Amino acid sequence: MRKFFTSVVLAAGLLSSPFLLADMVNLNKATAAALQENLKGVGEKKAQAIVAYRTEHGAFKTLDEIKEVKGIGDGIFKKIKVDLSLTEGVTGVIGKAGAKGESGDEAKSEGVKPVEDAEG
């Protein structure tokens, strides 16, 4: 019985993990539209500033580095840090047209395999 319970808990955790990552934003690959849509306190100008900083300086090496972007201070960082990842998460706007012609269907979530591809 204990083995069965452990298996059920493990399966539930594995099945829910893509949904937990779905709200995370990939700081190193997200479009300005994705940043604006998914991060509290980040509007169009701040989102564009994040992308411009990343373009000029290369990929973010730490989450704290985002505070180097004009307009992102400690207050905003505290609000958004739980939603940020350097390697996984949303890169485009889901359900709306994103930057560079991404449609909602094409928006990506790095590091999360779709359920239908999980076995193959």
PDB file of N, CA and C in Angstrom:
ATOM      1  N   MET A   1       0.833  -1.190   0.000  1.00  0.00           N
ATOM      2  CA  MET A   1       0.000   0.000   0.000  1.00  0.00           C
ATOM      3  C   MET A   1       0.878   1.256   0.000  1.00  0.00           C
ATOM      4  N   ARG A   2       1.958   1.227   0.767  1.00  0.00           N
ATOM      5  CA  ARG A   2       2.842   2.388   0.848  1.00  0.00           C
ATOM      6  C   ARG A   2       3.490   2.663  -0.512  1.00  0.00           C
ATOM      7  N   LYS A   3       3.873   1.595  -1.198  1.00  0.00           N
ATOM      8  CA  LYS A   3       4.483   1.725  -2.517  1.00  0.00           C
ATOM      9  C   LYS A   3       3.496   2.366  -3.500  1.00  0.00           C
ATOM     10  N   PHE A   4       2.235   1.939  -3.424  1.00  0.00           N
ATOM     11  CA  PHE A   4       1.195   2.491  -4.285  1.00  0.00           C
ATOM     12  C   PHE A   4       1.016   3.982  -4.010  1.00  0.00           C
ATOM     13  N   PHE A   5       0.930   4.354  -2.749  1.00  0.00           N
ATOM     14  CA  PHE A   5       0.758   5.759  -2.370  1.00  0.00           C
ATOM     15  C   PHE A   5       1.931   6.600  -2.866  1.00  0.00           C
ATOM     16  N   THR A   6       3.134   6.091  -2.702  1.00  0.00           N
ATOM     17  CA  THR A   6       4.328   6.798  -3.171  1.00  0.00           C
ATOM     18  C   THR A   6       4.275   6.988  -4.684  1.00  0.00           C
ATOM     19  N   SER A   7       3.840   5.956  -5.405  1.00  0.00           N
ATOM     20  CA  SER A   7       3.733   6.044  -6.861  1.00  0.00           C
ATOM     21  C   SER A   7       2.709   7.090  -7.284  1.00  0.00           C
ATOM     22  N   VAL A   8       1.586   7.137  -6.591  1.00  0.00           N
ATOM     23  CA  VAL A   8       0.541   8.111  -6.914  1.00  0.00           C
ATOM     24  C   VAL A   8       1.040   9.532  -6.675  1.00  0.00           C
ATOM     25  N   VAL A   9       1.705   9.762  -5.569  1.00  0.00           N
ATOM     26  CA  VAL A   9       2.235  11.091  -5.254  1.00  0.00           C
ATOM     27  C   VAL A   9       3.290  11.496  -6.280  1.00  0.00           C
ATOM     28  N   LEU A  10       4.165  10.584  -6.634  1.00  0.00           N
ATOM     29  CA  LEU A  10       5.205  10.866  -7.626  1.00  0.00           C
ATOM     30  C   LEU A  10       4.583  11.189  -8.983  1.00  0.00           C
ATOM     31  N   ALA A  11       3.618  10.397  -9.400  1.00  0.00           N
ATOM     32  CA  ALA A  11       2.958  10.631 -10.688  1.00  0.00           C
ATOM     33  C   ALA A  11       2.253  11.982 -10.699  1.00  0.00           C
ATOM     34  N   ALA A  12       1.576  12.320  -9.626  1.00  0.00           N
ATOM     35  CA  ALA A  12       0.893  13.611  -9.545  1.00  0.00           C
ATOM     36  C   ALA A  12       1.891  14.758  -9.639  1.00  0.00           C
ATOM     37  N   GLY A  13       3.015  14.614  -8.997  1.00  0.00           N
ATOM     38  CA  GLY A  13       4.049  15.649  -9.055  1.00  0.00           C
ATOM     39  C   GLY A  13       4.619  15.814 -10.448  1.00  0.00           C
ATOM     40  N   LEU A  14       4.864  14.707 -11.120  1.00  0.00           N
ATOM     41  CA  LEU A  14       5.408  14.760 -12.479  1.00  0.00           C
ATOM     42  C   LEU A  14       4.406  15.341 -13.461  1.00  0.00           C
ATOM     43  N   LEU A  15       3.147  15.003 -13.298  1.00  0.00           N
ATOM     44  CA  LEU A  15       2.127  15.523 -14.204  1.00  0.00           C
ATOM     45  C   LEU A  15       1.869  17.007 -14.001  1.00  0.00           C
ATOM     46  N   SER A  16       2.032  17.490 -12.792  1.00  0.00           N
ATOM     47  CA  SER A  16       1.751  18.900 -12.529  1.00  0.00           C
ATOM     48  C   SER A  16       2.947  19.803 -12.785  1.00  0.00           C
ATOM     49  N   SER A  17       4.157  19.263 -12.898  1.00  0.00           N
ATOM     50  CA  SER A  17       5.341  20.105 -13.052  1.00  0.00           C
ATOM     51  C   SER A  17       5.318  21.002 -14.286  1.00  0.00           C
ATOM     52  N   PRO A  18       4.817  20.580 -15.456  1.00  0.00           N
ATOM     53  CA  PRO A  18       4.760  21.517 -16.578  1.00  0.00           C
ATOM     54  C   PRO A  18       3.871  22.717 -16.285  1.00  0.00           C
ATOM     55  N   PHE A  19       2.832  22.517 -15.494  1.00  0.00           N
ATOM     56  CA  PHE A  19       1.948  23.622 -15.167  1.00  0.00           C
ATOM     57  C   PHE A  19       2.614  24.597 -14.210  1.00  0.00           C
ATOM     58  N   LEU A  20       3.486  24.109 -13.348  1.00  0.00           N
ATOM     59  CA  LEU A  20       4.211  24.990 -12.442  1.00  0.00           C
ATOM     60  C   LEU A  20       5.206  25.848 -13.204  1.00  0.00           C
ATOM     61  N   LEU A  21       5.849  25.280 -14.215  1.00  0.00           N
ATOM     62  CA  LEU A  21       6.819  26.023 -15.004  1.00  0.00           C
ATOM     63  C   LEU A  21       6.153  26.966 -15.990  1.00  0.00           C
ATOM     64  N   ALA A  22       4.886  26.744 -16.294  1.00  0.00           N
ATOM     65  CA  ALA A  22       4.210  27.540 -17.306  1.00  0.00           C
ATOM     66  C   ALA A  22       4.187  29.021 -16.948  1.00  0.00           C
ATOM     67  N   ASP A  23       4.171  29.374 -15.681  1.00  0.00           N
ATOM     68  CA  ASP A  23       4.143  30.771 -15.273  1.00  0.00           C
ATOM     69  C   ASP A  23       5.532  31.388 -15.206  1.00  0.00           C
ATOM     70  N   MET A  24       6.562  30.579 -15.260  1.00  0.00           N
ATOM     71  CA  MET A  24       7.920  31.112 -15.220  1.00  0.00           C
ATOM     72  C   MET A  24       8.264  31.718 -16.574  1.00  0.00           C
ATOM     73  N   VAL A  25       9.126  32.717 -16.547  1.00  0.00           N
ATOM     74  CA  VAL A  25       9.545  33.398 -17.765  1.00  0.00           C
ATOM     75  C   VAL A  25      11.042  33.180 -17.956  1.00  0.00           C
ATOM     76  N   ASN A  26      11.417  32.769 -19.144  1.00  0.00           N
ATOM     77  CA  ASN A  26      12.821  32.563 -19.478  1.00  0.00           C
ATOM     78  C   ASN A  26      13.438  33.932 -19.755  1.00  0.00           C
ATOM     79  N   LEU A  27      14.175  34.443 -18.812  1.00  0.00           N
ATOM     80  CA  LEU A  27      14.759  35.781 -18.891  1.00  0.00           C
ATOM     81  C   LEU A  27      15.706  35.923 -20.071  1.00  0.00           C
ATOM     82  N   ASN A  28      16.349  34.852 -20.468  1.00  0.00           N
ATOM     83  CA  ASN A  28      17.332  34.919 -21.548  1.00  0.00           C
ATOM     84  C   ASN A  28      16.757  34.714 -22.943  1.00  0.00           C
ATOM     85  N   LYS A  29      15.497  34.311 -23.050  1.00  0.00           N
ATOM     86  CA  LYS A  29      14.919  34.069 -24.374  1.00  0.00           C
ATOM     87  C   LYS A  29      13.565  34.734 -24.591  1.00  0.00           C
ATOM     88  N   ALA A  30      12.949  35.248 -23.553  1.00  0.00           N
ATOM     89  CA  ALA A  30      11.602  35.806 -23.674  1.00  0.00           C
ATOM     90  C   ALA A  30      11.579  37.067 -24.528  1.00  0.00           C
ATOM     91  N   THR A  31      10.520  37.195 -25.296  1.00  0.00           N
ATOM     92  CA  THR A  31      10.296  38.414 -26.062  1.00  0.00           C
ATOM     93  C   THR A  31       9.856  39.521 -25.109  1.00  0.00           C
ATOM     94  N   ALA A  32       9.926  40.751 -25.577  1.00  0.00           N
ATOM     95  CA  ALA A  32       9.453  41.876 -24.766  1.00  0.00           C
ATOM     96  C   ALA A  32       7.976  41.689 -24.433  1.00  0.00           C
ATOM     97  N   ALA A  33       7.206  41.201 -25.393  1.00  0.00           N
ATOM     98  CA  ALA A  33       5.778  40.979 -25.161  1.00  0.00           C
ATOM     99  C   ALA A  33       5.549  39.939 -24.065  1.00  0.00           C
ATOM    100  N   ALA A  34       6.351  38.875 -24.054  1.00  0.00           N
ATOM    101  CA  ALA A  34       6.216  37.837 -23.030  1.00  0.00           C
ATOM    102  C   ALA A  34       6.592  38.372 -21.654  1.00  0.00           C
ATOM    103  N   LEU A  35       7.634  39.176 -21.594  1.00  0.00           N
ATOM    104  CA  LEU A  35       8.043  39.777 -20.319  1.00  0.00           C
ATOM    105  C   LEU A  35       6.934  40.670 -19.779  1.00  0.00           C
ATOM    106  N   GLN A  36       6.387  41.505 -20.648  1.00  0.00           N
ATOM    107  CA  GLN A  36       5.328  42.432 -20.249  1.00  0.00           C
ATOM    108  C   GLN A  36       4.078  41.682 -19.798  1.00  0.00           C
ATOM    109  N   GLU A  37       3.725  40.643 -20.510  1.00  0.00           N
ATOM    110  CA  GLU A  37       2.508  39.888 -20.225  1.00  0.00           C
ATOM    111  C   GLU A  37       2.598  39.076 -18.929  1.00  0.00           C
ATOM    112  N   ASN A  38       3.788  38.601 -18.600  1.00  0.00           N
ATOM    113  CA  ASN A  38       3.924  37.625 -17.513  1.00  0.00           C
ATOM    114  C   ASN A  38       4.591  38.121 -16.242  1.00  0.00           C
ATOM    115  N   LEU A  39       5.104  39.342 -16.241  1.00  0.00           N
ATOM    116  CA  LEU A  39       5.797  39.849 -15.055  1.00  0.00           C
ATOM    117  C   LEU A  39       5.080  41.066 -14.485  1.00  0.00           C
ATOM    118  N   LYS A  40       4.676  40.971 -13.228  1.00  0.00           N
ATOM    119  CA  LYS A  40       3.995  42.077 -12.551  1.00  0.00           C
ATOM    120  C   LYS A  40       4.919  43.278 -12.443  1.00  0.00           C
ATOM    121  N   GLY A  41       4.403  44.439 -12.805  1.00  0.00           N
ATOM    122  CA  GLY A  41       5.181  45.661 -12.686  1.00  0.00           C
ATOM    123  C   GLY A  41       6.094  45.935 -13.867  1.00  0.00           C
ATOM    124  N   VAL A  42       6.083  45.039 -14.856  1.00  0.00           N
ATOM    125  CA  VAL A  42       6.904  45.237 -16.051  1.00  0.00           C
ATOM    126  C   VAL A  42       5.975  45.591 -17.208  1.00  0.00           C
ATOM    127  N   GLY A  43       6.074  46.846 -17.631  1.00  0.00           N
ATOM    128  CA  GLY A  43       5.288  47.311 -18.764  1.00  0.00           C
ATOM    129  C   GLY A  43       6.105  47.264 -20.034  1.00  0.00           C
ATOM    130  N   GLU A  44       5.588  47.927 -21.052  1.00  0.00           N
ATOM    131  CA  GLU A  44       6.231  47.893 -22.368  1.00  0.00           C
ATOM    132  C   GLU A  44       7.660  48.435 -22.335  1.00  0.00           C
ATOM    133  N   LYS A  45       7.862  49.591 -21.699  1.00  0.00           N
ATOM    134  CA  LYS A  45       9.197  50.212 -21.686  1.00  0.00           C
ATOM    135  C   LYS A  45      10.212  49.364 -20.923  1.00  0.00           C
ATOM    136  N   LYS A  46       9.821  48.833 -19.770  1.00  0.00           N
ATOM    137  CA  LYS A  46      10.750  48.000 -18.988  1.00  0.00           C
ATOM    138  C   LYS A  46      11.054  46.695 -19.716  1.00  0.00           C
ATOM    139  N   ALA A  47      10.046  46.131 -20.354  1.00  0.00           N
ATOM    140  CA  ALA A  47      10.256  44.891 -21.107  1.00  0.00           C
ATOM    141  C   ALA A  47      11.229  45.128 -22.259  1.00  0.00           C
ATOM    142  N   GLN A  48      11.055  46.232 -22.957  1.00  0.00           N
ATOM    143  CA  GLN A  48      11.968  46.561 -24.053  1.00  0.00           C
ATOM    144  C   GLN A  48      13.376  46.829 -23.526  1.00  0.00           C
ATOM    145  N   ALA A  49      13.468  47.452 -22.356  1.00  0.00           N
ATOM    146  CA  ALA A  49      14.778  47.721 -21.751  1.00  0.00           C
ATOM    147  C   ALA A  49      15.483  46.420 -21.369  1.00  0.00           C
ATOM    148  N   ILE A  50      14.733  45.440 -20.893  1.00  0.00           N
ATOM    149  CA  ILE A  50      15.314  44.136 -20.538  1.00  0.00           C
ATOM    150  C   ILE A  50      15.882  43.463 -21.788  1.00  0.00           C
ATOM    151  N   VAL A  51      15.105  43.470 -22.867  1.00  0.00           N
ATOM    152  CA  VAL A  51      15.565  42.851 -24.116  1.00  0.00           C
ATOM    153  C   VAL A  51      16.773  43.603 -24.668  1.00  0.00           C
ATOM    154  N   ALA A  52      16.753  44.931 -24.600  1.00  0.00           N
ATOM    155  CA  ALA A  52      17.885  45.734 -25.086  1.00  0.00           C
ATOM    156  C   ALA A  52      19.145  45.445 -24.274  1.00  0.00           C
ATOM    157  N   TYR A  53      19.003  45.347 -22.957  1.00  0.00           N
ATOM    158  CA  TYR A  53      20.144  45.028 -22.094  1.00  0.00           C
ATOM    159  C   TYR A  53      20.721  43.665 -22.469  1.00  0.00           C
ATOM    160  N   ARG A  54      19.828  42.694 -22.645  1.00  0.00           N
ATOM    161  CA  ARG A  54      20.251  41.333 -22.989  1.00  0.00           C
ATOM    162  C   ARG A  54      20.957  41.308 -24.349  1.00  0.00           C
ATOM    163  N   THR A  55      20.458  42.089 -25.293  1.00  0.00           N
ATOM    164  CA  THR A  55      21.076  42.164 -26.620  1.00  0.00           C
ATOM    165  C   THR A  55      22.471  42.768 -26.532  1.00  0.00           C
ATOM    166  N   GLU A  56      22.612  43.801 -25.713  1.00  0.00           N
ATOM    167  CA  GLU A  56      23.895  44.495 -25.584  1.00  0.00           C
ATOM    168  C   GLU A  56      24.920  43.720 -24.761  1.00  0.00           C
ATOM    169  N   HIS A  57      24.481  43.084 -23.678  1.00  0.00           N
ATOM    170  CA  HIS A  57      25.405  42.451 -22.732  1.00  0.00           C
ATOM    171  C   HIS A  57      25.454  40.927 -22.813  1.00  0.00           C
ATOM    172  N   GLY A  58      24.594  40.333 -23.607  1.00  0.00           N
ATOM    173  CA  GLY A  58      24.530  38.875 -23.673  1.00  0.00           C
ATOM    174  C   GLY A  58      23.574  38.327 -22.623  1.00  0.00           C
ATOM    175  N   ALA A  59      23.509  37.030 -22.547  1.00  0.00           N
ATOM    176  CA  ALA A  59      22.579  36.363 -21.634  1.00  0.00           C
ATOM    177  C   ALA A  59      22.831  36.760 -20.184  1.00  0.00           C
ATOM    178  N   PHE A  60      21.744  36.830 -19.430  1.00  0.00           N
ATOM    179  CA  PHE A  60      21.853  37.093 -17.997  1.00  0.00           C
ATOM    180  C   PHE A  60      22.528  35.886 -17.350  1.00  0.00           C
ATOM    181  N   LYS A  61      23.493  36.142 -16.493  1.00  0.00           N
ATOM    182  CA  LYS A  61      24.207  35.063 -15.808  1.00  0.00           C
ATOM    183  C   LYS A  61      23.587  34.747 -14.455  1.00  0.00           C
ATOM    184  N   THR A  62      22.952  35.745 -13.853  1.00  0.00           N
ATOM    185  CA  THR A  62      22.240  35.568 -12.583  1.00  0.00           C
ATOM    186  C   THR A  62      20.924  36.328 -12.672  1.00  0.00           C
ATOM    187  N   LEU A  63      19.964  35.948 -11.850  1.00  0.00           N
ATOM    188  CA  LEU A  63      18.701  36.680 -11.822  1.00  0.00           C
ATOM    189  C   LEU A  63      18.904  38.100 -11.308  1.00  0.00           C
ATOM    190  N   ASP A  64      19.801  38.275 -10.342  1.00  0.00           N
ATOM    191  CA  ASP A  64      20.073  39.602  -9.776  1.00  0.00           C
ATOM    192  C   ASP A  64      20.555  40.601 -10.824  1.00  0.00           C
ATOM    193  N   GLU A  65      21.147  40.105 -11.890  1.00  0.00           N
ATOM    194  CA  GLU A  65      21.680  40.981 -12.932  1.00  0.00           C
ATOM    195  C   GLU A  65      20.591  41.838 -13.577  1.00  0.00           C
ATOM    196  N   ILE A  66      19.341  41.397 -13.504  1.00  0.00           N
ATOM    197  CA  ILE A  66      18.251  42.171 -14.097  1.00  0.00           C
ATOM    198  C   ILE A  66      18.124  43.549 -13.444  1.00  0.00           C
ATOM    199  N   LYS A  67      18.641  43.678 -12.221  1.00  0.00           N
ATOM    200  CA  LYS A  67      18.597  44.980 -11.538  1.00  0.00           C
ATOM    201  C   LYS A  67      19.516  46.005 -12.194  1.00  0.00           C
ATOM    202  N   GLU A  68      20.379  45.566 -13.097  1.00  0.00           N
ATOM    203  CA  GLU A  68      21.234  46.483 -13.855  1.00  0.00           C
ATOM    204  C   GLU A  68      20.441  47.192 -14.956  1.00  0.00           C
ATOM    205  N   VAL A  69      19.277  46.664 -15.296  1.00  0.00           N
ATOM    206  CA  VAL A  69      18.431  47.251 -16.334  1.00  0.00           C
ATOM    207  C   VAL A  69      17.755  48.498 -15.779  1.00  0.00           C
ATOM    208  N   LYS A  70      17.800  49.582 -16.549  1.00  0.00           N
ATOM    209  CA  LYS A  70      17.173  50.835 -16.124  1.00  0.00           C
ATOM    210  C   LYS A  70      15.687  50.590 -15.855  1.00  0.00           C
ATOM    211  N   GLY A  71      15.241  50.997 -14.676  1.00  0.00           N
ATOM    212  CA  GLY A  71      13.840  50.852 -14.305  1.00  0.00           C
ATOM    213  C   GLY A  71      13.531  49.614 -13.485  1.00  0.00           C
ATOM    214  N   ILE A  72      14.495  48.725 -13.343  1.00  0.00           N
ATOM    215  CA  ILE A  72      14.289  47.517 -12.533  1.00  0.00           C
ATOM    216  C   ILE A  72      15.126  47.649 -11.267  1.00  0.00           C
ATOM    217  N   GLY A  73      14.467  47.960 -10.181  1.00  0.00           N
ATOM    218  CA  GLY A  73      15.156  48.100  -8.907  1.00  0.00           C
ATOM    219  C   GLY A  73      14.805  46.959  -7.973  1.00  0.00           C
ATOM    220  N   ASP A  74      15.186  47.117  -6.721  1.00  0.00           N
ATOM    221  CA  ASP A  74      14.933  46.073  -5.721  1.00  0.00           C
ATOM    222  C   ASP A  74      13.449  45.758  -5.571  1.00  0.00           C
ATOM    223  N   GLY A  75      12.608  46.787  -5.599  1.00  0.00           N
ATOM    224  CA  GLY A  75      11.171  46.581  -5.409  1.00  0.00           C
ATOM    225  C   GLY A  75      10.560  45.700  -6.481  1.00  0.00           C
ATOM    226  N   ILE A  76      10.810  46.035  -7.727  1.00  0.00           N
ATOM    227  CA  ILE A  76      10.271  45.232  -8.826  1.00  0.00           C
ATOM    228  C   ILE A  76      10.918  43.855  -8.829  1.00  0.00           C
ATOM    229  N   PHE A  77      12.217  43.807  -8.574  1.00  0.00           N
ATOM    230  CA  PHE A  77      12.905  42.517  -8.557  1.00  0.00           C
ATOM    231  C   PHE A  77      12.270  41.574  -7.537  1.00  0.00           C
ATOM    232  N   LYS A  78      11.938  42.081  -6.361  1.00  0.00           N
ATOM    233  CA  LYS A  78      11.308  41.237  -5.338  1.00  0.00           C
ATOM    234  C   LYS A  78       9.973  40.687  -5.827  1.00  0.00           C
ATOM    235  N   LYS A  79       9.225  41.487  -6.610  1.00  0.00           N
ATOM    236  CA  LYS A  79       7.923  41.049  -7.122  1.00  0.00           C
ATOM    237  C   LYS A  79       8.053  39.969  -8.196  1.00  0.00           C
ATOM    238  N   ILE A  80       9.098  40.057  -9.009  1.00  0.00           N
ATOM    239  CA  ILE A  80       9.173  39.185 -10.186  1.00  0.00           C
ATOM    240  C   ILE A  80      10.158  38.029 -10.078  1.00  0.00           C
ATOM    241  N   LYS A  81      11.034  38.040  -9.088  1.00  0.00           N
ATOM    242  CA  LYS A  81      12.106  37.032  -9.061  1.00  0.00           C
ATOM    243  C   LYS A  81      11.587  35.601  -9.002  1.00  0.00           C
ATOM    244  N   VAL A  82      10.447  35.371  -8.369  1.00  0.00           N
ATOM    245  CA  VAL A  82       9.904  34.006  -8.307  1.00  0.00           C
ATOM    246  C   VAL A  82       9.379  33.545  -9.662  1.00  0.00           C
ATOM    247  N   ASP A  83       9.149  34.476 -10.570  1.00  0.00           N
ATOM    248  CA  ASP A  83       8.640  34.146 -11.897  1.00  0.00           C
ATOM    249  C   ASP A  83       9.734  34.076 -12.955  1.00  0.00           C
ATOM    250  N   LEU A  84      10.980  34.263 -12.567  1.00  0.00           N
ATOM    251  CA  LEU A  84      12.085  34.300 -13.519  1.00  0.00           C
ATOM    252  C   LEU A  84      12.907  33.021 -13.500  1.00  0.00           C
ATOM    253  N   SER A  85      13.416  32.671 -14.662  1.00  0.00           N
ATOM    254  CA  SER A  85      14.364  31.568 -14.801  1.00  0.00           C
ATOM    255  C   SER A  85      15.376  31.972 -15.864  1.00  0.00           C
ATOM    256  N   LEU A  86      16.582  31.477 -15.738  1.00  0.00           N
ATOM    257  CA  LEU A  86      17.606  31.745 -16.750  1.00  0.00           C
ATOM    258  C   LEU A  86      17.559  30.726 -17.884  1.00  0.00           C
ATOM    259  N   THR A  87      16.920  29.578 -17.650  1.00  0.00           N
ATOM    260  CA  THR A  87      16.972  28.493 -18.630  1.00  0.00           C
ATOM    261  C   THR A  87      15.627  27.897 -19.024  1.00  0.00           C
ATOM    262  N   GLU A  88      14.586  28.118 -18.249  1.00  0.00           N
ATOM    263  CA  GLU A  88      13.290  27.498 -18.524  1.00  0.00           C
ATOM    264  C   GLU A  88      12.187  28.532 -18.469  1.00  0.00           C
ATOM    265  N   GLY A  89      11.039  28.175 -19.020  1.00  0.00           N
ATOM    266  CA  GLY A  89       9.871  29.023 -18.910  1.00  0.00           C
ATOM    267  C   GLY A  89       9.408  29.608 -20.231  1.00  0.00           C
ATOM    268  N   VAL A  90       8.428  30.467 -20.140  1.00  0.00           N
ATOM    269  CA  VAL A  90       7.778  31.088 -21.287  1.00  0.00           C
ATOM    270  C   VAL A  90       8.764  31.976 -22.037  1.00  0.00           C
ATOM    271  N   THR A  91       8.724  31.885 -23.362  1.00  0.00           N
ATOM    272  CA  THR A  91       9.563  32.750 -24.191  1.00  0.00           C
ATOM    273  C   THR A  91       8.728  33.642 -25.097  1.00  0.00           C
ATOM    274  N   GLY A  92       7.472  33.282 -25.304  1.00  0.00           N
ATOM    275  CA  GLY A  92       6.564  34.064 -26.145  1.00  0.00           C
ATOM    276  C   GLY A  92       5.237  34.236 -25.443  1.00  0.00           C
ATOM    277  N   VAL A  93       4.386  35.072 -26.002  1.00  0.00           N
ATOM    278  CA  VAL A  93       3.074  35.318 -25.416  1.00  0.00           C
ATOM    279  C   VAL A  93       2.144  34.194 -25.832  1.00  0.00           C
ATOM    280  N   ILE A  94       1.503  33.577 -24.871  1.00  0.00           N
ATOM    281  CA  ILE A  94       0.597  32.472 -25.135  1.00  0.00           C
ATOM    282  C   ILE A  94      -0.807  33.023 -25.353  1.00  0.00           C
ATOM    283  N   GLY A  95      -1.406  32.654 -26.471  1.00  0.00           N
ATOM    284  CA  GLY A  95      -2.776  33.065 -26.743  1.00  0.00           C
ATOM    285  C   GLY A  95      -2.909  34.389 -27.469  1.00  0.00           C
ATOM    286  N   LYS A  96      -1.832  35.082 -27.703  1.00  0.00           N
ATOM    287  CA  LYS A  96      -1.853  36.353 -28.421  1.00  0.00           C
ATOM    288  C   LYS A  96      -0.694  36.356 -29.395  1.00  0.00           C
ATOM    289  N   ALA A  97      -0.769  37.225 -30.382  1.00  0.00           N
ATOM    290  CA  ALA A  97       0.358  37.359 -31.305  1.00  0.00           C
ATOM    291  C   ALA A  97       1.513  37.988 -30.550  1.00  0.00           C
ATOM    292  N   GLY A  98       2.673  37.376 -30.631  1.00  0.00           N
ATOM    293  CA  GLY A  98       3.845  37.889 -29.936  1.00  0.00           C
ATOM    294  C   GLY A  98       4.805  38.550 -30.896  1.00  0.00           C
ATOM    295  N   ALA A  99       5.976  38.853 -30.415  1.00  0.00           N
ATOM    296  CA  ALA A  99       6.992  39.496 -31.233  1.00  0.00           C
ATOM    297  C   ALA A  99       7.440  38.563 -32.349  1.00  0.00           C
ATOM    298  N   LYS A 100       7.903  39.128 -33.430  1.00  0.00           N
ATOM    299  CA  LYS A 100       8.428  38.390 -34.579  1.00  0.00           C
ATOM    300  C   LYS A 100       7.402  37.422 -35.149  1.00  0.00           C
ATOM    301  N   GLY A 101       6.124  37.773 -35.083  1.00  0.00           N
ATOM    302  CA  GLY A 101       5.096  36.967 -35.713  1.00  0.00           C
ATOM    303  C   GLY A 101       4.744  35.682 -35.000  1.00  0.00           C
ATOM    304  N   GLU A 102       5.171  35.499 -33.775  1.00  0.00           N
ATOM    305  CA  GLU A 102       4.794  34.290 -33.040  1.00  0.00           C
ATOM    306  C   GLU A 102       3.305  34.328 -32.784  1.00  0.00           C
ATOM    307  N   SER A 103       2.622  33.253 -33.099  1.00  0.00           N
ATOM    308  CA  SER A 103       1.214  33.180 -32.744  1.00  0.00           C
ATOM    309  C   SER A 103       1.114  32.512 -31.391  1.00  0.00           C
ATOM    310  N   GLY A 104      -0.063  32.555 -30.801  1.00  0.00           N
ATOM    311  CA  GLY A 104      -0.260  31.907 -29.513  1.00  0.00           C
ATOM    312  C   GLY A 104       0.062  30.427 -29.570  1.00  0.00           C
ATOM    313  N   ASP A 105      -0.221  29.799 -30.741  1.00  0.00           N
ATOM    314  CA  ASP A 105       0.055  28.376 -30.886  1.00  0.00           C
ATOM    315  C   ASP A 105       1.547  28.087 -30.950  1.00  0.00           C
ATOM    316  N   GLU A 106       2.332  29.068 -31.394  1.00  0.00           N
ATOM    317  CA  GLU A 106       3.760  28.855 -31.559  1.00  0.00           C
ATOM    318  C   GLU A 106       4.573  29.301 -30.357  1.00  0.00           C
ATOM    319  N   ALA A 107       3.941  29.975 -29.409  1.00  0.00           N
ATOM    320  CA  ALA A 107       4.670  30.459 -28.237  1.00  0.00           C
ATOM    321  C   ALA A 107       5.287  29.274 -27.519  1.00  0.00           C
ATOM    322  N   LYS A 108       6.482  29.469 -27.020  1.00  0.00           N
ATOM    323  CA  LYS A 108       7.239  28.366 -26.447  1.00  0.00           C
ATOM    324  C   LYS A 108       7.349  28.472 -24.941  1.00  0.00           C
ATOM    325  N   SER A 109       7.530  27.338 -24.325  1.00  0.00           N
ATOM    326  CA  SER A 109       7.875  27.266 -22.921  1.00  0.00           C
ATOM    327  C   SER A 109       9.075  26.342 -22.844  1.00  0.00           C
ATOM    328  N   GLU A 110      10.255  26.905 -22.724  1.00  0.00           N
ATOM    329  CA  GLU A 110      11.497  26.140 -22.733  1.00  0.00           C
ATOM    330  C   GLU A 110      11.562  25.190 -21.546  1.00  0.00           C
ATOM    331  N   GLY A 111      12.041  23.981 -21.796  1.00  0.00           N
ATOM    332  CA  GLY A 111      12.261  23.024 -20.728  1.00  0.00           C
ATOM    333  C   GLY A 111      11.032  22.226 -20.352  1.00  0.00           C
ATOM    334  N   VAL A 112       9.903  22.472 -21.014  1.00  0.00           N
ATOM    335  CA  VAL A 112       8.678  21.757 -20.703  1.00  0.00           C
ATOM    336  C   VAL A 112       8.237  21.020 -21.951  1.00  0.00           C
ATOM    337  N   LYS A 113       8.166  19.697 -21.886  1.00  0.00           N
ATOM    338  CA  LYS A 113       7.725  18.898 -23.016  1.00  0.00           C
ATOM    339  C   LYS A 113       6.210  18.842 -23.030  1.00  0.00           C
ATOM    340  N   PRO A 114       5.583  18.997 -24.203  1.00  0.00           N
ATOM    341  CA  PRO A 114       4.133  18.813 -24.270  1.00  0.00           C
ATOM    342  C   PRO A 114       3.774  17.395 -23.851  1.00  0.00           C
ATOM    343  N   VAL A 115       2.596  17.217 -23.291  1.00  0.00           N
ATOM    344  CA  VAL A 115       2.178  15.920 -22.768  1.00  0.00           C
ATOM    345  C   VAL A 115       2.208  14.856 -23.849  1.00  0.00           C
ATOM    346  N   GLU A 116       1.754  15.187 -25.088  1.00  0.00           N
ATOM    347  CA  GLU A 116       1.703  14.176 -26.125  1.00  0.00           C
ATOM    348  C   GLU A 116       3.090  13.702 -26.555  1.00  0.00           C
ATOM    349  N   ASP A 117       4.145  14.493 -26.314  1.00  0.00           N
ATOM    350  CA  ASP A 117       5.504  14.112 -26.680  1.00  0.00           C
ATOM    351  C   ASP A 117       6.268  13.440 -25.538  1.00  0.00           C
ATOM    352  N   ALA A 118       5.692  13.366 -24.372  1.00  0.00           N
ATOM    353  CA  ALA A 118       6.411  12.901 -23.190  1.00  0.00           C
ATOM    354  C   ALA A 118       6.861  11.447 -23.317  1.00  0.00           C
ATOM    355  N   GLU A 119       6.088  10.624 -24.010  1.00  0.00           N
ATOM    356  CA  GLU A 119       6.448   9.212 -24.113  1.00  0.00           C
ATOM    357  C   GLU A 119       7.386   8.941 -25.281  1.00  0.00           C
ATOM    358  N   GLY A 120       7.368   9.756 -26.301  1.00  0.00           N
ATOM    359  CA  GLY A 120       8.106   9.462 -27.515  1.00  0.00           C
ATOM    360  C   GLY A 120       9.332  10.196 -27.605  1.00  0.00           C
TER     361      GLY A 120
END
